[in-house]
Amino acid sequence: MSMDTERQRDILLMLFAVQFTLLVLMVQWWWPLLLFPVLLTLHVMKSEYDRRLDEESLL
């Protein structure tokens, strides 16, 4: 998969995480479900970190 495709996938995952967070905030008794968008965000951050390390190693 190309880097652009991976970044686009990560952007979509972040949009989903934000929307899910807003939904959980609207229905407050779902607060334990906030773990899911947090884990998605951490996954996206790790993916971006790995991509940037790969870009630096190519230079």
Protein backbone atom coordinates (compact mmCIF):
# COMPACT_ATOMS: atom_id res chain seq x y z
CA MET A 1 0.00 0.00 0.00
CA SER A 2 1.32 3.45 -0.82
CA MET A 3 1.92 6.08 1.84
CA ASP A 4 -0.84 8.27 0.44
CA THR A 5 -3.36 5.44 0.68
CA GLU A 6 -2.31 4.70 4.25
CA ARG A 7 -2.61 8.35 5.21
CA GLN A 8 -6.06 8.59 3.65
CA ARG A 9 -7.13 5.50 5.60
CA ASP A 10 -5.78 7.04 8.81
CA ILE A 11 -7.67 10.28 8.12
CA LEU A 12 -10.89 8.32 7.76
CA LEU A 13 -10.17 6.45 10.99
CA MET A 14 -9.62 9.76 12.81
CA LEU A 15 -12.88 11.16 11.43
CA PHE A 16 -14.68 8.06 12.67
CA ALA A 17 -13.02 8.40 16.09
CA VAL A 18 -14.13 12.03 16.39
CA GLN A 19 -17.69 11.22 15.37
CA PHE A 20 -17.82 8.28 17.77
CA THR A 21 -16.50 10.49 20.58
CA LEU A 22 -19.21 13.06 19.92
CA LEU A 23 -21.84 10.32 19.99
CA VAL A 24 -20.55 9.02 23.31
CA LEU A 25 -20.56 12.54 24.74
CA MET A 26 -24.20 12.96 23.73
CA VAL A 27 -25.22 9.69 25.43
CA GLN A 28 -23.29 9.99 28.66
CA TRP A 29 -23.93 6.50 30.02
CA TRP A 30 -21.85 5.13 27.12
CA TRP A 31 -18.69 6.67 28.60
CA PRO A 32 -16.80 3.33 28.80
CA LEU A 33 -16.94 3.23 25.01
CA LEU A 34 -14.54 6.18 24.90
CA LEU A 35 -11.76 3.63 25.04
CA PHE A 36 -12.43 2.71 21.41
CA PRO A 37 -11.69 6.16 19.88
CA VAL A 38 -8.68 6.53 22.17
CA LEU A 39 -7.25 3.26 20.87
CA LEU A 40 -7.98 4.32 17.28
CA THR A 41 -6.17 7.60 17.84
CA LEU A 42 -3.15 5.83 19.34
CA HIS A 43 -3.06 3.46 16.36
CA VAL A 44 -3.12 6.37 13.90
CA MET A 45 -0.41 8.20 15.83
CA LYS A 46 1.83 5.12 15.80
CA SER A 47 1.25 4.62 12.06
CA GLU A 48 2.16 8.23 11.31
CA TYR A 49 5.25 8.00 13.52
CA ASP A 50 6.39 4.87 11.67
CA ARG A 51 5.78 6.51 8.29
CA ARG A 52 7.81 9.56 9.25
CA LEU A 53 10.68 7.37 10.45
CA ASP A 54 10.61 5.54 7.11
CA GLU A 55 10.64 8.85 5.23
CA GLU A 56 13.65 10.04 7.25
CA SER A 57 15.53 6.83 6.59
CA LEU A 58 14.97 7.26 2.85
CA LEU A 59 16.59 10.70 2.84
